[in-house]
C-alpha atoms as a PDB file:
ATOM      1  CA  MET A   1       4.970  12.095 -12.860  1.00  0.00           C
ATOM      2  CA  LYS A   2       2.513   9.264 -13.236  1.00  0.00           C
ATOM      3  CA  LEU A   3       3.395   6.059 -11.377  1.00  0.00           C
ATOM      4  CA  ASN A   4       1.800   2.666 -11.414  1.00  0.00           C
ATOM      5  CA  THR A   5      -0.057   3.114  -8.103  1.00  0.00           C
ATOM      6  CA  SER A   6      -0.474  -0.603  -7.515  1.00  0.00           C
ATOM      7  CA  LEU A   7       3.267  -1.144  -7.757  1.00  0.00           C
ATOM      8  CA  VAL A   8       4.021   1.823  -5.520  1.00  0.00           C
ATOM      9  CA  PHE A   9       1.560   0.782  -2.806  1.00  0.00           C
ATOM     10  CA  LEU A  10       2.630  -2.859  -2.891  1.00  0.00           C
ATOM     11  CA  SER A  11       6.272  -1.809  -2.707  1.00  0.00           C
ATOM     12  CA  ALA A  12       5.490   0.485   0.204  1.00  0.00           C
ATOM     13  CA  ALA A  13       3.582  -2.288   1.949  1.00  0.00           C
ATOM     14  CA  LEU A  14       6.385  -4.777   1.504  1.00  0.00           C
ATOM     15  CA  PHE A  15       8.798  -2.142   2.674  1.00  0.00           C
ATOM     16  CA  ALA A  16       6.668  -1.556   5.787  1.00  0.00           C
ATOM     17  CA  CYS A  17       7.156  -5.214   6.696  1.00  0.00           C
ATOM     18  CA  ALA A  18      10.937  -4.952   6.401  1.00  0.00           C
ATOM     19  CA  PRO A  19      13.308  -3.319   8.878  1.00  0.00           C
ATOM     20  CA  ALA A  20      13.248   0.474   8.633  1.00  0.00           C
ATOM     21  CA  SER A  21      15.871   1.681   6.175  1.00  0.00           C
ATOM     22  CA  ALA A  22      16.181   3.742   3.008  1.00  0.00           C
ATOM     23  CA  PHE A  23      14.359   2.366  -0.030  1.00  0.00           C
ATOM     24  CA  GLU A  24      14.679   3.012  -3.740  1.00  0.00           C
ATOM     25  CA  LEU A  25      12.318   1.762  -6.466  1.00  0.00           C
ATOM     26  CA  LYS A  26      13.339   2.179 -10.101  1.00  0.00           C
ATOM     27  CA  HIS A  27      10.475   2.351 -12.604  1.00  0.00           C
ATOM     28  CA  SER A  28       9.889   3.430 -16.200  1.00  0.00           C
ATOM     29  CA  GLU A  29       9.635   7.127 -15.305  1.00  0.00           C
ATOM     30  CA  GLY A  30      12.586   7.385 -12.935  1.00  0.00           C
ATOM     31  CA  THR A  31      13.214   6.452  -9.326  1.00  0.00           C
ATOM     32  CA  LEU A  32      11.080   6.650  -6.198  1.00  0.00           C
ATOM     33  CA  SER A  33      13.201   7.159  -3.087  1.00  0.00           C
ATOM     34  CA  LEU A  34      11.980   6.813   0.488  1.00  0.00           C
ATOM     35  CA  ASP A  35      14.287   7.838   3.325  1.00  0.00           C
ATOM     36  CA  SER A  36      12.499   5.607   5.846  1.00  0.00           C
ATOM     37  CA  ALA A  37       9.623   3.161   6.175  1.00  0.00           C
ATOM     38  CA  PRO A  38       6.188   4.706   5.503  1.00  0.00           C
ATOM     39  CA  LYS A  39       4.217   5.615   8.625  1.00  0.00           C
ATOM     40  CA  LYS A  40       0.860   5.027   6.891  1.00  0.00           C
ATOM     41  CA  VAL A  41      -0.186   2.849   3.961  1.00  0.00           C
ATOM     42  CA  VAL A  42      -3.288   3.493   1.846  1.00  0.00           C
ATOM     43  CA  SER A  43      -4.640   1.413  -1.015  1.00  0.00           C
ATOM     44  CA  PHE A  44      -6.729   2.472  -4.000  1.00  0.00           C
ATOM     45  CA  ASP A  45      -6.547  -0.985  -5.570  1.00  0.00           C
ATOM     46  CA  VAL A  46      -8.487  -4.012  -4.285  1.00  0.00           C
ATOM     47  CA  GLY A  47      -5.776  -6.418  -5.487  1.00  0.00           C
ATOM     48  CA  VAL A  48      -3.124  -4.531  -3.532  1.00  0.00           C
ATOM     49  CA  LEU A  49      -5.469  -4.338  -0.533  1.00  0.00           C
ATOM     50  CA  ASP A  50      -5.842  -8.114  -0.691  1.00  0.00           C
ATOM     51  CA  SER A  51      -2.037  -8.479  -0.679  1.00  0.00           C
ATOM     52  CA  LEU A  52      -1.739  -6.086   2.261  1.00  0.00           C
ATOM     53  CA  ALA A  53      -4.380  -8.087   4.134  1.00  0.00           C
ATOM     54  CA  ALA A  54      -2.523 -11.350   3.447  1.00  0.00           C
ATOM     55  CA  LEU A  55       0.679  -9.762   4.777  1.00  0.00           C
ATOM     56  CA  ASP A  56      -1.231  -8.311   7.761  1.00  0.00           C
ATOM     57  CA  VAL A  57       0.019  -4.801   6.945  1.00  0.00           C
ATOM     58  CA  PRO A  58      -2.007  -2.075   8.720  1.00  0.00           C
ATOM     59  CA  VAL A  59      -3.943   0.057   6.211  1.00  0.00           C
ATOM     60  CA  ALA A  60      -4.770   3.674   7.077  1.00  0.00           C
ATOM     61  CA  GLY A  61      -7.143   4.338   4.168  1.00  0.00           C
ATOM     62  CA  VAL A  62      -8.953   2.624   1.308  1.00  0.00           C
ATOM     63  CA  ALA A  63     -11.041   3.595  -1.713  1.00  0.00           C
ATOM     64  CA  ARG A  64     -14.789   3.798  -1.105  1.00  0.00           C
ATOM     65  CA  SER A  65     -16.281   0.386  -1.868  1.00  0.00           C
ATOM     66  CA  MET A  66     -18.321  -2.480  -0.472  1.00  0.00           C
ATOM     67  CA  TYR A  67     -15.758  -4.950   0.823  1.00  0.00           C
ATOM     68  CA  GLU A  68     -16.763  -8.564   1.353  1.00  0.00           C
ATOM     69  CA  GLY A  69     -15.121 -11.806   2.429  1.00  0.00           C
ATOM     70  CA  ASP A  70     -11.562 -11.468   3.718  1.00  0.00           C
ATOM     71  CA  LEU A  71     -11.614  -7.722   2.959  1.00  0.00           C
ATOM     72  CA  ALA A  72     -14.749  -7.026   5.031  1.00  0.00           C
ATOM     73  CA  ARG A  73     -12.527  -5.833   7.865  1.00  0.00           C
ATOM     74  CA  TYR A  74     -11.801  -2.722   5.742  1.00  0.00           C
ATOM     75  CA  GLN A  75     -15.484  -1.773   5.461  1.00  0.00           C
ATOM     76  CA  ASN A  76     -15.135   0.881   8.194  1.00  0.00           C
ATOM     77  CA  THR A  77     -11.578   1.971   7.360  1.00  0.00           C
ATOM     78  CA  ARG A  78     -11.148   5.660   6.637  1.00  0.00           C
ATOM     79  CA  GLU A  79     -11.639   6.525   2.962  1.00  0.00           C
ATOM     80  CA  ALA A  80      -8.521   7.800   1.214  1.00  0.00           C
END
């Protein structure tokens, strides 16, 4: 099942900021259900990473890249 990864990661990040509870995301290919808040968030999309940074959500892994500016703090983050 192919999901829009940006939407999934952003949803997970926003969910991580909310109180821990069950979560359900309906999308074009079905439904993504999470029983609890994610323990780790990774981002493969720089736009989503920027949103996570703005929300101050801890990121456990990122795609290999040269991050600059506000995203420079992810330069040494574990590669996902």
